[in-house]
Amino acid sequence: MKNTAVLELGFRPFFILASFAACLLLGLWILVYSGHLSMNPRGGVIGWHGHEMLFGYTTAILTGFFLTAVKNWTGLPTLTGPWLGVLAGLWLLGRLVPFMPEGIANLLGSRIDMIFLPILAGIIFRPIYKARQWRNIGFPIILMVMTVGNVLCHMEWMGETQGTVTHGLNLALNMVLLIIVWVFGRIFPFFASRVLPKARIKSYSFVEALSIGSIILWAWVQINWTDPKWITGAAAVVALIHAVRLVGFHDRTIWRVPLVWILFTGYCWLVVGFLLHALIPHGNITPFLARHAFTTGAVGVITLGMIVRVSLGHTGRPLKPSPLVVATFVFVNLAVVVRVLFPMFLPSGYFNWIMVSGILWTLSFGIFALNFFPILFKPRPDGKPG
């Protein structure tokens, strides 16, 4: 196809797939939760929702990001052309698994979904290894740990284990948070200093090390401890560490640049998520609310900001989103407020808050899709590859 560039670099097809998944998954969830649609996916509606938001939407974002970033980091090519299309097709097949007949899902479907992340890990490991970029070697390892989480989910749905879905989803989510924390420490000071040369962004090596280590600690505590005191105590410590990091990264000038403040607000939700986990025994807070501060908040807000930035920058366009796209940054943050904070103070309206939050999320990614699908399909206007 002469006039399309959708398979020229990983961010193009996978950001398209991710934004489509964001709209479809939340749209279906709203219809099911409101009683307007009945469906019985593998693992149940709640299990399907949690799994697909992590291994569907989020994995698509990570795939597009890593295939693009690793090329920049190493100077070596990553997957393009027909093989990139095959990888996208494999991701799509994984999204169909919950609706396959049980026999086919157990025999073939689950295995298709489980091999996606190891394949991605192998694809990005090769250039990282060839370039001897040991500082990035942790990323394919994290993807393999996420694979363990996916396997734990599928093993229960295949009838091989009991009670492993929750552990699998928690493990995968914590690995996503680890990626966010690790990448955020690199890109936020760099990007903020480029667009705001006078901004005083403070980054301290010991805080950076503690930030990454604290997420690993949190994942370990969740796996090995069941005592709520240990879990809430660990959450409080992690919240404090990341709050200190956030204070260092703040400068009042960041609020002038939407592509900077969207990342900052997303990281704020990470801190809120740990704080809510620490407060679960002491107030009208449930684990679901704390978890959605991570998922709808930290993951949703930061990934929306990143896909806008990458889609503009890597297609040769100015890093200045339109007012309508900036509005999506507001909408997605409002979606978190409504999903996480409103039920704490107005629990009687819980059903309505979920509906409103889902609509705001879907609206945010729908606007992204309408604005960026043409950009992601077309070649760069400057004629450069990518």
Protein backbone atom coordinates (compact mmCIF):
# COMPACT_ATOMS: atom_id res chain seq x y z
CA MET A 1 0.00 0.00 0.00
CA LYS A 2 1.90 2.96 -1.35
CA ASN A 3 0.27 5.69 0.69
CA THR A 4 0.18 3.99 4.08
CA ALA A 5 2.97 3.73 6.63
CA VAL A 6 1.15 1.78 9.32
CA LEU A 7 3.77 -0.99 9.46
CA GLU A 8 6.87 1.22 9.30
CA LEU A 9 7.43 1.34 13.07
CA GLY A 10 5.89 -0.44 16.05
CA PHE A 11 4.05 2.49 17.59
CA ARG A 12 1.83 2.91 14.53
CA PRO A 13 -0.20 -0.34 14.48
CA PHE A 14 -0.08 -0.92 18.22
CA PHE A 15 -1.24 2.55 19.23
CA ILE A 16 -4.11 2.13 16.76
CA LEU A 17 -4.96 -1.24 18.31
CA ALA A 18 -4.57 0.09 21.85
CA SER A 19 -6.89 3.06 21.36
CA PHE A 20 -9.43 0.85 19.61
CA ALA A 21 -9.22 -1.63 22.49
CA ALA A 22 -9.57 1.16 25.06
CA CYS A 23 -12.85 2.27 23.49
CA LEU A 24 -14.23 -1.21 22.78
CA LEU A 25 -13.30 -2.79 26.11
CA LEU A 26 -14.73 0.05 28.19
CA GLY A 27 -17.72 0.40 25.89
CA LEU A 28 -18.58 -3.27 26.32
CA TRP A 29 -17.94 -3.08 30.05
CA ILE A 30 -20.37 -0.16 30.41
CA LEU A 31 -23.06 -2.03 28.46
CA VAL A 32 -22.59 -5.20 30.50
CA TYR A 33 -22.41 -3.45 33.86
CA SER A 34 -25.54 -1.41 33.08
CA GLY A 35 -27.46 -4.52 32.02
CA HIS A 36 -27.81 -3.51 28.37
CA LEU A 37 -25.65 -6.37 27.13
CA SER A 38 -25.24 -9.93 28.28
CA MET A 39 -22.08 -11.89 27.57
CA ASN A 40 -20.16 -14.68 29.22
CA PRO A 41 -16.48 -14.46 28.32
CA ARG A 42 -13.96 -16.95 29.58
CA GLY A 43 -13.12 -16.20 33.19
CA GLY A 44 -16.31 -14.23 33.74
CA VAL A 45 -16.98 -10.58 32.96
CA ILE A 46 -14.87 -9.20 35.83
CA GLY A 47 -11.94 -11.50 35.09
CA TRP A 48 -12.17 -10.66 31.39
CA HIS A 49 -12.26 -6.93 32.12
CA GLY A 50 -9.18 -7.03 34.35
CA HIS A 51 -7.21 -9.34 32.07
CA GLU A 52 -7.95 -7.46 28.86
CA MET A 53 -7.16 -4.04 30.26
CA LEU A 54 -3.73 -5.37 31.26
CA PHE A 55 -2.89 -7.94 28.60
CA GLY A 56 -4.92 -6.31 25.86
CA TYR A 57 -4.84 -2.51 26.09
CA THR A 58 -1.72 -2.04 28.22
CA THR A 59 0.30 -4.70 26.42
CA ALA A 60 -0.47 -3.04 23.07
CA ILE A 61 0.82 0.28 24.45
CA LEU A 62 3.97 -1.38 25.80
CA THR A 63 4.57 -3.14 22.49
CA GLY A 64 4.32 0.06 20.47
CA PHE A 65 6.49 1.91 22.96
CA PHE A 66 9.25 -0.69 23.23
CA LEU A 67 9.49 -1.39 19.51
CA THR A 68 9.96 2.34 18.97
CA ALA A 69 12.09 3.20 22.00
CA VAL A 70 14.51 0.27 21.67
CA LYS A 71 15.23 1.34 18.08
CA ASN A 72 16.09 4.82 19.36
CA TRP A 73 18.10 3.57 22.33
CA THR A 74 20.22 1.08 20.40
CA GLY A 75 20.29 2.53 16.88
CA LEU A 76 19.35 -0.94 15.65
CA PRO A 77 16.15 -1.85 13.79
CA THR A 78 13.18 -3.48 15.45
CA LEU A 79 10.26 -5.27 13.83
CA THR A 80 8.72 -3.58 10.75
CA GLY A 81 6.73 -4.52 7.66
CA PRO A 82 4.91 -7.86 7.30
CA TRP A 83 6.44 -9.34 10.47
CA LEU A 84 5.15 -6.37 12.45
CA GLY A 85 1.74 -7.13 10.95
CA VAL A 86 2.08 -10.75 12.09
CA LEU A 87 2.83 -9.61 15.64
CA ALA A 88 -0.22 -7.34 15.56
CA GLY A 89 -2.30 -10.26 14.28
CA LEU A 90 -1.06 -12.42 17.16
CA TRP A 91 -2.18 -9.75 19.62
CA LEU A 92 -5.60 -9.64 17.94
CA LEU A 93 -5.99 -13.41 18.18
CA GLY A 94 -5.30 -13.17 21.89
CA ARG A 95 -8.24 -10.80 22.29
CA LEU A 96 -10.57 -13.40 20.77
CA VAL A 97 -9.59 -16.16 23.23
CA PRO A 98 -12.24 -15.29 25.88
CA PHE A 99 -14.97 -15.90 23.28
CA MET A 100 -13.63 -19.13 21.80
CA PRO A 101 -15.29 -22.48 22.58
CA GLU A 102 -13.72 -23.93 25.72
CA GLY A 103 -11.96 -26.79 23.97
CA ILE A 104 -10.35 -24.53 21.37
CA ALA A 105 -9.44 -21.94 24.00
CA ASN A 106 -7.75 -24.54 26.20
CA LEU A 107 -5.97 -26.32 23.37
CA LEU A 108 -4.88 -23.36 21.26
CA GLY A 109 -6.25 -19.96 22.28
CA SER A 110 -4.62 -19.65 25.69
CA ARG A 111 -1.26 -20.67 24.27
CA ILE A 112 -1.53 -18.02 21.55
CA ASP A 113 -2.14 -15.34 24.16
CA MET A 114 0.59 -16.64 26.49
CA ILE A 115 3.35 -16.56 23.87
CA PHE A 116 2.84 -12.92 22.87
CA LEU A 117 4.87 -11.33 25.67
CA PRO A 118 7.79 -13.79 25.41
CA ILE A 119 7.98 -13.07 21.68
CA LEU A 120 8.00 -9.32 22.36
CA ALA A 121 10.67 -9.81 25.05
CA GLY A 122 12.82 -11.70 22.55
CA ILE A 123 12.35 -9.06 19.86
CA ILE A 124 13.57 -6.22 22.09
CA PHE A 125 16.24 -8.33 23.82
CA ARG A 126 18.14 -8.89 20.57
CA PRO A 127 19.04 -5.24 19.78
CA ILE A 128 19.60 -4.45 23.46
CA TYR A 129 22.05 -7.37 23.71
CA LYS A 130 23.79 -6.56 20.41
CA ALA A 131 24.26 -2.94 21.48
CA ARG A 132 25.45 -4.08 24.95
CA GLN A 133 22.94 -1.72 26.55
CA TRP A 134 22.81 -3.48 29.91
CA ARG A 135 20.92 -0.61 31.52
CA ASN A 136 17.91 -1.62 29.41
CA ILE A 137 18.18 -5.38 29.86
CA GLY A 138 15.62 -5.27 32.66
CA PHE A 139 12.76 -4.47 30.30
CA PRO A 140 12.62 -7.86 28.53
CA ILE A 141 12.98 -9.48 31.96
CA ILE A 142 9.97 -7.54 33.25
CA LEU A 143 7.97 -8.66 30.20
CA MET A 144 8.82 -12.27 31.07
CA VAL A 145 7.58 -11.74 34.63
CA MET A 146 4.37 -10.33 33.16
CA THR A 147 4.16 -13.56 31.17
CA VAL A 148 4.08 -15.48 34.45
CA GLY A 149 1.09 -13.38 35.48
CA ASN A 150 -0.67 -14.17 32.22
CA VAL A 151 0.08 -17.89 32.60
CA LEU A 152 -1.39 -17.85 36.12
CA CYS A 153 -4.63 -16.43 34.71
CA HIS A 154 -4.91 -18.93 31.89
CA MET A 155 -3.98 -21.89 34.10
CA GLU A 156 -6.97 -21.23 36.32
CA TRP A 157 -9.28 -20.77 33.35
CA MET A 158 -7.96 -24.05 31.91
CA GLY A 159 -8.86 -25.79 35.18
CA GLU A 160 -5.24 -26.50 36.13
CA THR A 161 -5.11 -24.26 39.22
CA GLN A 162 -7.41 -22.48 41.65
CA GLY A 163 -7.25 -18.88 42.83
CA THR A 164 -4.31 -17.87 40.63
CA VAL A 165 -6.07 -15.25 38.51
CA THR A 166 -5.87 -12.63 41.26
CA HIS A 167 -2.17 -13.32 41.79
CA GLY A 168 -1.56 -13.18 38.05
CA LEU A 169 -3.32 -9.85 37.59
CA ASN A 170 -1.57 -8.33 40.62
CA LEU A 171 1.82 -9.50 39.39
CA ALA A 172 1.24 -8.13 35.90
CA LEU A 173 -0.06 -4.80 37.19
CA ASN A 174 2.95 -4.39 39.46
CA MET A 175 5.28 -5.06 36.54
CA VAL A 176 3.47 -2.41 34.50
CA LEU A 177 3.90 0.02 37.41
CA LEU A 178 7.59 -0.87 37.53
CA ILE A 179 7.95 -0.06 33.83
CA ILE A 180 6.12 3.24 34.32
CA VAL A 181 8.29 4.22 37.28
CA TRP A 182 11.50 3.25 35.50
CA VAL A 183 10.67 4.96 32.20
CA PHE A 184 9.16 8.03 33.89
CA GLY A 185 12.44 8.72 35.66
CA ARG A 186 14.16 8.94 32.29
CA ILE A 187 11.70 10.74 30.09
CA PHE A 188 10.08 13.27 32.42
CA PRO A 189 13.19 15.28 33.42
CA PHE A 190 14.51 15.07 29.86
CA PHE A 191 11.30 16.15 28.16
CA ALA A 192 10.46 18.83 30.74
CA SER A 193 13.94 20.37 30.48
CA ARG A 194 13.73 20.44 26.68
CA VAL A 195 10.41 22.28 26.46
CA LEU A 196 10.92 24.26 29.67
CA PRO A 197 14.64 25.13 29.87
CA LYS A 198 14.16 27.24 33.01
CA ALA A 199 12.21 24.58 34.90
CA ARG A 200 13.99 23.31 38.01
CA ILE A 201 13.42 19.57 37.79
CA LYS A 202 15.33 17.79 40.56
CA SER A 203 16.34 14.16 40.17
CA TYR A 204 18.41 12.40 42.83
CA SER A 205 20.06 9.06 42.19
CA PHE A 206 19.17 7.61 45.60
CA VAL A 207 15.50 8.61 45.20
CA GLU A 208 15.46 7.07 41.72
CA ALA A 209 16.91 3.83 43.08
CA LEU A 210 14.41 3.79 45.95
CA SER A 211 11.54 4.46 43.54
CA ILE A 212 12.33 1.40 41.44
CA GLY A 213 13.25 -0.75 44.43
CA SER A 214 10.05 0.16 46.27
CA ILE A 215 7.87 -1.19 43.45
CA ILE A 216 9.81 -4.45 43.52
CA LEU A 217 9.34 -4.52 47.31
CA TRP A 218 5.62 -3.89 46.91
CA ALA A 219 5.28 -6.74 44.41
CA TRP A 220 7.18 -9.06 46.75
CA VAL A 221 5.04 -8.12 49.78
CA GLN A 222 1.82 -8.72 47.85
CA ILE A 223 3.00 -12.19 46.85
CA ASN A 224 4.48 -13.30 50.17
CA TRP A 225 2.45 -11.59 52.89
CA THR A 226 -1.24 -11.78 53.71
CA ASP A 227 -1.17 -9.77 56.95
CA PRO A 228 -2.95 -6.45 56.20
CA LYS A 229 -0.55 -4.63 58.52
CA TRP A 230 2.43 -5.56 56.36
CA ILE A 231 0.61 -4.67 53.15
CA THR A 232 -0.65 -1.30 54.37
CA GLY A 233 2.71 -0.51 55.95
CA ALA A 234 4.54 -1.28 52.72
CA ALA A 235 2.03 0.81 50.76
CA ALA A 236 2.61 3.79 53.08
CA VAL A 237 6.40 3.56 52.64
CA VAL A 238 6.10 3.30 48.86
CA ALA A 239 3.66 6.23 48.74
CA LEU A 240 6.13 8.38 50.70
CA ILE A 241 9.06 7.50 48.43
CA HIS A 242 7.16 8.36 45.26
CA ALA A 243 5.71 11.52 46.78
CA VAL A 244 9.27 12.70 47.46
CA ARG A 245 10.21 11.90 43.87
CA LEU A 246 7.16 13.78 42.61
CA VAL A 247 8.00 16.88 44.65
CA GLY A 248 11.48 16.93 43.10
CA PHE A 249 10.01 16.66 39.61
CA HIS A 250 7.57 19.51 40.15
CA ASP A 251 8.02 23.03 38.85
CA ARG A 252 5.12 25.42 38.45
CA THR A 253 6.01 26.00 34.80
CA ILE A 254 5.09 22.41 33.89
CA TRP A 255 1.41 23.40 33.95
CA ARG A 256 1.99 25.52 30.84
CA VAL A 257 2.73 22.46 28.67
CA PRO A 258 -0.04 19.84 28.35
CA LEU A 259 2.35 17.06 27.26
CA VAL A 260 4.27 17.59 30.50
CA TRP A 261 1.45 18.03 32.99
CA ILE A 262 -0.45 14.99 31.69
CA LEU A 263 2.54 12.80 32.63
CA PHE A 264 2.86 14.53 35.99
CA THR A 265 -0.81 14.08 36.88
CA GLY A 266 -0.60 10.43 35.89
CA TYR A 267 2.26 9.95 38.33
CA CYS A 268 0.21 11.71 41.00
CA TRP A 269 -2.36 8.92 40.65
CA LEU A 270 0.38 6.38 41.32
CA VAL A 271 1.04 8.05 44.67
CA VAL A 272 -2.70 8.21 45.37
CA GLY A 273 -3.00 4.49 44.64
CA PHE A 274 -0.38 3.56 47.23
CA LEU A 275 -1.83 6.01 49.73
CA LEU A 276 -5.28 4.46 49.32
CA HIS A 277 -3.82 0.97 49.80
CA ALA A 278 -2.31 2.20 53.05
CA LEU A 279 -5.67 3.63 54.19
CA ILE A 280 -7.87 0.63 53.33
CA PRO A 281 -8.25 -0.51 56.97
CA HIS A 282 -9.04 3.01 58.16
CA GLY A 283 -11.83 4.35 55.96
CA ASN A 284 -14.47 3.83 53.29
CA ILE A 285 -11.86 2.55 50.84
CA THR A 286 -11.91 -0.78 49.03
CA PRO A 287 -9.06 -2.53 47.22
CA PHE A 288 -10.98 -1.94 43.96
CA LEU A 289 -10.77 1.84 44.42
CA ALA A 290 -7.06 1.71 45.22
CA ARG A 291 -6.41 -0.58 42.23
CA HIS A 292 -8.26 1.74 39.86
CA ALA A 293 -6.07 4.63 41.01
CA PHE A 294 -3.27 2.55 39.49
CA THR A 295 -5.10 1.31 36.39
CA THR A 296 -7.50 4.04 35.32
CA GLY A 297 -5.19 6.62 36.88
CA ALA A 298 -1.45 6.00 36.61
CA VAL A 299 -1.61 3.60 33.67
CA GLY A 300 -4.46 5.26 31.78
CA VAL A 301 -3.35 8.87 32.18
CA ILE A 302 0.36 8.32 31.54
CA THR A 303 -0.20 6.04 28.54
CA LEU A 304 -2.58 8.53 26.93
CA GLY A 305 0.01 11.27 27.35
CA MET A 306 2.76 9.05 25.98
CA ILE A 307 0.89 7.85 22.89
CA VAL A 308 0.04 11.46 21.99
CA ARG A 309 3.67 12.55 22.45
CA VAL A 310 5.14 9.59 20.56
CA SER A 311 2.56 9.81 17.77
CA LEU A 312 3.38 13.48 17.20
CA GLY A 313 7.14 13.31 17.66
CA HIS A 314 7.80 10.16 15.66
CA THR A 315 5.69 11.28 12.72
CA GLY A 316 7.67 14.51 12.41
CA ARG A 317 5.00 16.81 13.81
CA PRO A 318 5.33 19.61 16.40
CA LEU A 319 4.83 18.51 19.99
CA LYS A 320 1.78 20.71 20.36
CA PRO A 321 -1.50 18.78 20.63
CA SER A 322 -4.68 20.45 19.48
CA PRO A 323 -7.10 21.94 22.04
CA LEU A 324 -9.42 18.98 21.50
CA VAL A 325 -6.64 16.50 22.28
CA VAL A 326 -5.70 18.53 25.36
CA ALA A 327 -9.35 18.20 26.40
CA THR A 328 -8.86 14.41 26.45
CA PHE A 329 -6.14 14.93 29.08
CA VAL A 330 -8.77 16.62 31.24
CA PHE A 331 -11.41 13.97 30.50
CA VAL A 332 -9.16 11.03 31.39
CA ASN A 333 -8.20 12.64 34.70
CA LEU A 334 -11.86 13.32 35.44
CA ALA A 335 -12.54 9.65 34.72
CA VAL A 336 -10.15 8.75 37.54
CA VAL A 337 -11.64 11.29 39.92
CA VAL A 338 -15.13 9.93 39.28
CA ARG A 339 -14.04 6.27 39.45
CA VAL A 340 -11.78 6.49 42.50
CA LEU A 341 -12.65 9.52 44.64
CA PHE A 342 -16.40 9.98 44.20
CA PRO A 343 -17.31 6.49 45.51
CA MET A 344 -15.31 7.21 48.67
CA PHE A 345 -17.41 10.24 49.56
CA LEU A 346 -20.69 9.45 47.77
CA PRO A 347 -20.90 5.63 47.85
CA SER A 348 -24.64 5.58 47.17
CA GLY A 349 -23.96 6.69 43.60
CA TYR A 350 -21.39 3.94 42.90
CA PHE A 351 -23.21 2.61 39.83
CA ASN A 352 -23.47 6.09 38.31
CA TRP A 353 -19.82 6.86 39.00
CA ILE A 354 -18.71 3.75 37.14
CA MET A 355 -20.92 4.70 34.18
CA VAL A 356 -19.68 8.30 34.04
CA SER A 357 -16.04 7.26 34.45
CA GLY A 358 -16.33 4.68 31.68
CA ILE A 359 -17.91 7.22 29.33
CA LEU A 360 -15.17 9.78 30.04
CA TRP A 361 -12.43 7.18 29.45
CA THR A 362 -14.05 6.01 26.20
CA LEU A 363 -14.51 9.62 25.06
CA SER A 364 -10.83 10.37 25.73
CA PHE A 365 -9.50 7.50 23.63
CA GLY A 366 -12.19 7.93 21.01
CA ILE A 367 -11.05 11.50 20.42
CA PHE A 368 -7.45 10.28 20.24
CA ALA A 369 -8.47 7.72 17.62
CA LEU A 370 -10.33 10.25 15.48
CA ASN A 371 -7.41 12.68 15.57
CA PHE A 372 -4.49 10.28 15.27
CA PHE A 373 -5.60 7.37 13.09
CA PRO A 374 -4.98 9.46 9.92
CA ILE A 375 -1.56 10.45 11.26
CA LEU A 376 -0.62 6.88 12.18
CA PHE A 377 -1.65 5.52 8.78
CA LYS A 378 0.10 8.17 6.66
CA PRO A 379 3.85 8.54 6.00
CA ARG A 380 5.76 11.29 7.78
CA PRO A 381 5.30 14.65 6.06
CA ASP A 382 9.08 15.22 6.09
CA GLY A 383 9.66 12.05 4.08
CA LYS A 384 11.84 10.41 6.76
CA PRO A 385 11.36 6.73 7.66
CA GLY A 386 9.40 5.81 10.75
